[in-house]
Amino acid sequence: MDDPTDMKEPANLRFLRRMVTVLTAVMICGVLVVTALLVTRLSGKGPDLPQTVNLPDGTTASAFTQGDTWYAIVTTDNQILIYDRLSGKLRQTLTLD
């Protein structure tokens, strides 16, 4: 008579099941794309750093920053030493109060 296995699935339930399946696949693809982009962006080459820096005697570096044509060393005695990127020569010294 009324065998539960013979009942047809309602159309809206079939649509909902297919929609959930499609959305799950789209979400998995999105996570894979985001992961791949993070890996490719973060594993790239870092900034070009100078091979050696000649600091004045008695100074110790505590921080480093750089621009297109210069790089700067912040020392432990509150000075900023700005060097030319191409020649490596000291351009300017700033003393912090």
Protein backbone atom coordinates (compact mmCIF):
# COMPACT_ATOMS: atom_id res chain seq x y z
CA MET A 1 0.00 0.00 0.00
CA ASP A 2 1.84 3.10 1.20
CA ASP A 3 5.44 1.92 1.05
CA PRO A 4 7.74 4.79 2.25
CA THR A 5 10.39 3.81 -0.31
CA ASP A 6 7.93 4.36 -3.21
CA MET A 7 7.21 7.98 -2.27
CA LYS A 8 8.54 10.57 -4.68
CA GLU A 9 10.66 13.37 -3.31
CA PRO A 10 8.93 16.77 -3.46
CA ALA A 11 10.34 19.11 -6.11
CA ASN A 12 11.23 21.87 -3.65
CA LEU A 13 13.14 19.42 -1.44
CA ARG A 14 15.07 18.10 -4.46
CA PHE A 15 15.90 21.69 -5.47
CA LEU A 16 17.06 22.48 -1.92
CA ARG A 17 19.31 19.40 -1.80
CA ARG A 18 20.91 20.28 -5.14
CA MET A 19 21.38 23.90 -4.05
CA VAL A 20 23.15 22.84 -0.84
CA THR A 21 25.41 20.51 -2.83
CA VAL A 22 26.32 23.25 -5.34
CA LEU A 23 26.95 25.80 -2.60
CA THR A 24 29.18 23.33 -0.74
CA ALA A 25 31.25 22.77 -3.88
CA VAL A 26 31.52 26.54 -4.49
CA MET A 27 32.63 27.12 -0.89
CA ILE A 28 35.31 24.40 -1.14
CA CYS A 29 36.60 25.95 -4.39
CA GLY A 30 36.66 29.39 -2.76
CA VAL A 31 38.68 28.15 0.22
CA LEU A 32 41.15 26.48 -2.15
CA VAL A 33 41.53 29.67 -4.21
CA VAL A 34 42.08 31.84 -1.12
CA THR A 35 44.63 29.36 0.25
CA ALA A 36 46.48 29.24 -3.07
CA LEU A 37 46.58 33.04 -3.28
CA LEU A 38 47.90 33.35 0.26
CA VAL A 39 50.62 30.80 -0.41
CA THR A 40 51.75 32.45 -3.64
CA ARG A 41 51.70 35.98 -2.21
CA LEU A 42 53.40 35.20 1.09
CA SER A 43 56.08 32.89 -0.28
CA GLY A 44 57.44 35.52 -2.66
CA LYS A 45 60.83 37.12 -2.47
CA GLY A 46 61.31 39.60 0.35
CA PRO A 47 62.75 43.09 0.08
CA ASP A 48 66.30 43.67 -1.19
CA LEU A 49 68.46 44.26 1.86
CA PRO A 50 72.03 45.59 1.79
CA GLN A 51 74.70 42.93 2.23
CA THR A 52 76.69 44.93 4.79
CA VAL A 53 76.12 48.16 6.69
CA ASN A 54 79.07 50.11 8.12
CA LEU A 55 77.89 51.65 11.37
CA PRO A 56 79.98 54.24 13.21
CA ASP A 57 82.08 52.85 16.06
CA GLY A 58 80.19 52.27 19.29
CA THR A 59 76.70 52.19 17.75
CA THR A 60 74.30 49.29 17.81
CA ALA A 61 71.36 48.95 15.43
CA SER A 62 67.90 48.50 16.86
CA ALA A 63 65.69 48.96 13.76
CA PHE A 64 65.89 49.08 9.96
CA THR A 65 63.68 50.70 7.34
CA GLN A 66 64.11 51.50 3.66
CA GLY A 67 62.84 53.57 0.76
CA ASP A 68 63.49 53.47 -2.98
CA THR A 69 66.88 55.20 -2.89
CA TRP A 70 67.84 55.04 0.80
CA TYR A 71 67.77 52.89 3.91
CA ALA A 72 67.86 53.96 7.53
CA ILE A 73 69.22 52.40 10.71
CA VAL A 74 67.84 53.42 14.09
CA THR A 75 70.51 53.03 16.76
CA THR A 76 70.21 52.35 20.47
CA ASP A 77 71.61 55.82 21.28
CA ASN A 78 68.57 57.54 19.65
CA GLN A 79 70.05 58.34 16.26
CA ILE A 80 68.73 57.67 12.77
CA LEU A 81 71.46 57.01 10.21
CA ILE A 82 70.27 57.43 6.61
CA TYR A 83 72.38 55.74 3.93
CA ASP A 84 72.34 55.95 0.13
CA ARG A 85 71.14 52.65 -1.30
CA LEU A 86 73.45 52.62 -4.33
CA SER A 87 76.72 53.78 -2.80
CA GLY A 88 76.17 52.72 0.82
CA LYS A 89 77.48 56.08 2.05
CA LEU A 90 76.01 57.87 5.04
CA ARG A 91 73.72 60.67 3.80
CA GLN A 92 72.35 62.13 6.97
CA THR A 93 72.32 61.63 10.74
CA LEU A 94 69.29 62.63 12.81
CA THR A 95 69.43 62.79 16.60
CA LEU A 96 66.20 62.14 18.48
CA ASP A 97 65.45 64.01 21.70
